[in-house]
Amino acid sequence: MGNISDMKPSDRQLRNMRFVEERLELLHTIRDMIDIELDRRGIPQPLGCPPPSAPPGCNAQRQQRTTLWQRILNFFNIHHS
């Protein structure tokens, strides 16, 4: 009990962590692509979203970010209004 080898993640856990990290990176890339496209079209970002040039460590702005789903809904609501 309390052995160092007990705390070492298994191969399966390591694979799962890599999988999650890759998916999170992909989601960030998709979010950046959406930000770029919204900027290109001149659509203002919803309130609470930091501009793309904001420093990544800005926790207060990150907590207020709208979800990707909310942004997609806002995008379609703007164009259909």
N, C-alpha and C. Protein backbone atom coordinates (compact mmCIF):
# COMPACT_ATOMS: atom_id res chain seq x y z
N MET A 1 0.84 -1.18 0.00
CA MET A 1 0.00 0.00 0.00
C MET A 1 0.88 1.24 0.00
N GLY A 2 0.53 2.24 -0.80
CA GLY A 2 1.33 3.45 -0.88
C GLY A 2 2.56 3.26 -1.74
N ASN A 3 2.62 2.18 -2.46
CA ASN A 3 3.75 1.88 -3.32
C ASN A 3 3.76 2.83 -4.51
N ILE A 4 4.94 3.26 -4.93
CA ILE A 4 5.08 4.17 -6.06
C ILE A 4 4.51 3.55 -7.33
N SER A 5 4.70 2.25 -7.53
CA SER A 5 4.21 1.62 -8.75
C SER A 5 2.69 1.61 -8.82
N ASP A 6 2.00 1.70 -7.66
CA ASP A 6 0.55 1.77 -7.65
C ASP A 6 0.04 3.09 -8.23
N MET A 7 0.86 4.12 -8.16
CA MET A 7 0.44 5.45 -8.62
C MET A 7 0.76 5.67 -10.10
N LYS A 8 1.51 4.79 -10.68
CA LYS A 8 1.89 4.91 -12.09
C LYS A 8 0.68 4.56 -12.96
N PRO A 9 0.32 5.46 -13.92
CA PRO A 9 -0.85 5.16 -14.77
C PRO A 9 -0.57 3.95 -15.67
N SER A 10 -1.62 3.19 -15.91
CA SER A 10 -1.49 2.01 -16.77
C SER A 10 -1.38 2.45 -18.23
N ASP A 11 -1.05 1.51 -19.08
CA ASP A 11 -0.95 1.81 -20.51
C ASP A 11 -2.29 2.28 -21.06
N ARG A 12 -3.35 1.64 -20.60
CA ARG A 12 -4.69 2.04 -21.05
C ARG A 12 -5.01 3.48 -20.64
N GLN A 13 -4.66 3.84 -19.41
CA GLN A 13 -4.89 5.21 -18.95
C GLN A 13 -4.07 6.21 -19.76
N LEU A 14 -2.85 5.86 -20.08
CA LEU A 14 -2.00 6.74 -20.89
C LEU A 14 -2.59 6.94 -22.29
N ARG A 15 -3.07 5.84 -22.90
CA ARG A 15 -3.72 5.95 -24.21
C ARG A 15 -4.95 6.83 -24.14
N ASN A 16 -5.75 6.65 -23.10
CA ASN A 16 -6.97 7.45 -22.94
C ASN A 16 -6.64 8.93 -22.74
N MET A 17 -5.59 9.21 -21.96
CA MET A 17 -5.20 10.61 -21.75
C MET A 17 -4.72 11.25 -23.05
N ARG A 18 -3.94 10.50 -23.84
CA ARG A 18 -3.49 11.02 -25.14
C ARG A 18 -4.68 11.27 -26.05
N PHE A 19 -5.65 10.35 -26.06
CA PHE A 19 -6.85 10.49 -26.88
C PHE A 19 -7.60 11.78 -26.50
N VAL A 20 -7.80 11.99 -25.21
CA VAL A 20 -8.52 13.18 -24.75
C VAL A 20 -7.74 14.45 -25.11
N GLU A 21 -6.43 14.44 -24.93
CA GLU A 21 -5.62 15.61 -25.28
C GLU A 21 -5.72 15.92 -26.76
N GLU A 22 -5.67 14.89 -27.61
CA GLU A 22 -5.79 15.11 -29.05
C GLU A 22 -7.14 15.69 -29.41
N ARG A 23 -8.20 15.19 -28.78
CA ARG A 23 -9.55 15.70 -29.07
C ARG A 23 -9.71 17.14 -28.60
N LEU A 24 -9.15 17.46 -27.45
CA LEU A 24 -9.22 18.85 -26.96
C LEU A 24 -8.47 19.79 -27.90
N GLU A 25 -7.32 19.34 -28.38
CA GLU A 25 -6.56 20.15 -29.33
C GLU A 25 -7.37 20.35 -30.61
N LEU A 26 -8.04 19.31 -31.07
CA LEU A 26 -8.88 19.40 -32.25
C LEU A 26 -10.03 20.39 -32.02
N LEU A 27 -10.66 20.32 -30.86
CA LEU A 27 -11.75 21.26 -30.54
C LEU A 27 -11.26 22.70 -30.52
N HIS A 28 -10.07 22.93 -29.96
CA HIS A 28 -9.51 24.29 -29.95
C HIS A 28 -9.24 24.76 -31.37
N THR A 29 -8.74 23.87 -32.22
CA THR A 29 -8.49 24.22 -33.61
C THR A 29 -9.79 24.58 -34.32
N ILE A 30 -10.83 23.79 -34.09
CA ILE A 30 -12.13 24.07 -34.71
C ILE A 30 -12.67 25.40 -34.22
N ARG A 31 -12.54 25.66 -32.93
CA ARG A 31 -13.01 26.94 -32.38
C ARG A 31 -12.26 28.11 -33.01
N ASP A 32 -10.96 27.96 -33.18
CA ASP A 32 -10.17 29.01 -33.83
C ASP A 32 -10.64 29.22 -35.27
N MET A 33 -10.93 28.12 -35.98
CA MET A 33 -11.41 28.23 -37.36
C MET A 33 -12.74 28.97 -37.41
N ILE A 34 -13.62 28.68 -36.45
CA ILE A 34 -14.91 29.37 -36.41
C ILE A 34 -14.71 30.84 -36.11
N ASP A 35 -13.81 31.16 -35.18
CA ASP A 35 -13.52 32.57 -34.87
C ASP A 35 -13.02 33.31 -36.11
N ILE A 36 -12.14 32.68 -36.85
CA ILE A 36 -11.59 33.29 -38.06
C ILE A 36 -12.70 33.52 -39.08
N GLU A 37 -13.56 32.53 -39.26
CA GLU A 37 -14.65 32.66 -40.23
C GLU A 37 -15.64 33.74 -39.80
N LEU A 38 -15.95 33.81 -38.52
CA LEU A 38 -16.85 34.86 -38.04
C LEU A 38 -16.24 36.24 -38.25
N ASP A 39 -14.95 36.35 -37.99
CA ASP A 39 -14.26 37.63 -38.24
C ASP A 39 -14.28 37.98 -39.72
N ARG A 40 -14.06 36.99 -40.57
CA ARG A 40 -14.04 37.22 -42.01
C ARG A 40 -15.39 37.72 -42.50
N ARG A 41 -16.45 37.18 -41.93
CA ARG A 41 -17.79 37.58 -42.33
C ARG A 41 -18.26 38.84 -41.64
N GLY A 42 -17.48 39.33 -40.70
CA GLY A 42 -17.84 40.56 -40.01
C GLY A 42 -18.93 40.37 -38.97
N ILE A 43 -19.08 39.17 -38.48
CA ILE A 43 -20.08 38.89 -37.46
C ILE A 43 -19.44 39.10 -36.10
N PRO A 44 -20.04 39.95 -35.27
CA PRO A 44 -19.43 40.19 -33.96
C PRO A 44 -19.52 38.95 -33.09
N GLN A 45 -18.50 38.76 -32.26
CA GLN A 45 -18.51 37.63 -31.36
C GLN A 45 -19.50 37.92 -30.24
N PRO A 46 -20.16 36.88 -29.73
CA PRO A 46 -21.10 37.08 -28.63
C PRO A 46 -20.40 37.67 -27.42
N LEU A 47 -21.15 38.37 -26.60
CA LEU A 47 -20.58 38.98 -25.40
C LEU A 47 -19.95 37.91 -24.53
N GLY A 48 -18.86 38.29 -23.90
CA GLY A 48 -18.17 37.35 -23.02
C GLY A 48 -17.06 36.59 -23.70
N CYS A 49 -16.99 36.62 -25.01
CA CYS A 49 -15.92 35.92 -25.72
C CYS A 49 -14.72 36.85 -25.86
N PRO A 50 -13.57 36.39 -25.47
CA PRO A 50 -12.40 37.23 -25.65
C PRO A 50 -12.01 37.29 -27.12
N PRO A 51 -11.40 38.37 -27.53
CA PRO A 51 -10.94 38.44 -28.91
C PRO A 51 -9.85 37.40 -29.14
N PRO A 52 -9.63 37.00 -30.39
CA PRO A 52 -8.62 35.97 -30.66
C PRO A 52 -7.22 36.35 -30.19
N SER A 53 -6.93 37.64 -30.05
CA SER A 53 -5.60 38.06 -29.63
C SER A 53 -5.45 38.08 -28.11
N ALA A 54 -6.48 37.72 -27.35
CA ALA A 54 -6.40 37.74 -25.89
C ALA A 54 -5.40 36.69 -25.42
N PRO A 55 -4.69 36.98 -24.34
CA PRO A 55 -3.73 36.00 -23.83
C PRO A 55 -4.44 34.75 -23.34
N PRO A 56 -3.87 33.57 -23.58
CA PRO A 56 -4.55 32.33 -23.23
C PRO A 56 -4.73 32.13 -21.74
N GLY A 57 -3.98 32.81 -20.90
CA GLY A 57 -4.08 32.61 -19.46
C GLY A 57 -5.12 33.49 -18.79
N CYS A 58 -5.95 34.14 -19.52
CA CYS A 58 -6.93 35.06 -18.96
C CYS A 58 -8.15 34.28 -18.46
N ASN A 59 -8.12 33.85 -17.20
CA ASN A 59 -9.15 32.97 -16.66
C ASN A 59 -10.51 33.63 -16.57
N ALA A 60 -10.57 34.90 -16.22
CA ALA A 60 -11.87 35.58 -16.08
C ALA A 60 -12.61 35.58 -17.41
N GLN A 61 -11.90 35.82 -18.49
CA GLN A 61 -12.54 35.83 -19.81
C GLN A 61 -12.92 34.42 -20.23
N ARG A 62 -12.11 33.43 -19.91
CA ARG A 62 -12.42 32.05 -20.30
C ARG A 62 -13.68 31.55 -19.60
N GLN A 63 -13.89 31.96 -18.35
CA GLN A 63 -15.06 31.51 -17.63
C GLN A 63 -16.33 32.09 -18.21
N GLN A 64 -16.24 33.25 -18.86
CA GLN A 64 -17.41 33.90 -19.42
C GLN A 64 -17.65 33.51 -20.87
N ARG A 65 -16.80 32.72 -21.46
CA ARG A 65 -16.95 32.34 -22.86
C ARG A 65 -18.24 31.58 -23.07
N THR A 66 -18.86 31.86 -24.17
CA THR A 66 -20.04 31.08 -24.52
C THR A 66 -19.59 29.76 -25.12
N THR A 67 -20.44 28.79 -25.07
CA THR A 67 -20.09 27.49 -25.62
C THR A 67 -20.14 27.54 -27.14
N LEU A 68 -19.49 26.59 -27.75
CA LEU A 68 -19.49 26.51 -29.21
C LEU A 68 -20.91 26.37 -29.72
N TRP A 69 -21.73 25.58 -29.04
CA TRP A 69 -23.11 25.39 -29.46
C TRP A 69 -23.88 26.72 -29.41
N GLN A 70 -23.67 27.51 -28.35
CA GLN A 70 -24.33 28.81 -28.26
C GLN A 70 -23.89 29.73 -29.39
N ARG A 71 -22.63 29.68 -29.74
CA ARG A 71 -22.12 30.52 -30.82
C ARG A 71 -22.72 30.11 -32.15
N ILE A 72 -22.85 28.80 -32.37
CA ILE A 72 -23.45 28.32 -33.62
C ILE A 72 -24.91 28.77 -33.70
N LEU A 73 -25.63 28.63 -32.59
CA LEU A 73 -27.03 29.08 -32.57
C LEU A 73 -27.12 30.58 -32.82
N ASN A 74 -26.24 31.35 -32.19
CA ASN A 74 -26.23 32.80 -32.42
C ASN A 74 -25.95 33.13 -33.87
N PHE A 75 -25.05 32.39 -34.49
CA PHE A 75 -24.71 32.61 -35.89
C PHE A 75 -25.95 32.45 -36.77
N PHE A 76 -26.70 31.37 -36.56
CA PHE A 76 -27.87 31.13 -37.38
C PHE A 76 -29.00 32.09 -37.04
N ASN A 77 -29.13 32.48 -35.79
CA ASN A 77 -30.17 33.43 -35.39
C ASN A 77 -29.92 34.80 -36.00
N ILE A 78 -28.67 35.21 -36.14
CA ILE A 78 -28.35 36.50 -36.74
C ILE A 78 -28.73 36.50 -38.21
N HIS A 79 -28.46 35.40 -38.91
CA HIS A 79 -28.70 35.34 -40.34
C HIS A 79 -30.16 35.10 -40.71
N HIS A 80 -30.94 34.60 -39.77
CA HIS A 80 -32.34 34.32 -40.08
C HIS A 80 -33.28 35.36 -39.49
N SER A 81 -32.73 36.35 -38.84
CA SER A 81 -33.58 37.40 -38.26
C SER A 81 -33.87 38.49 -39.25
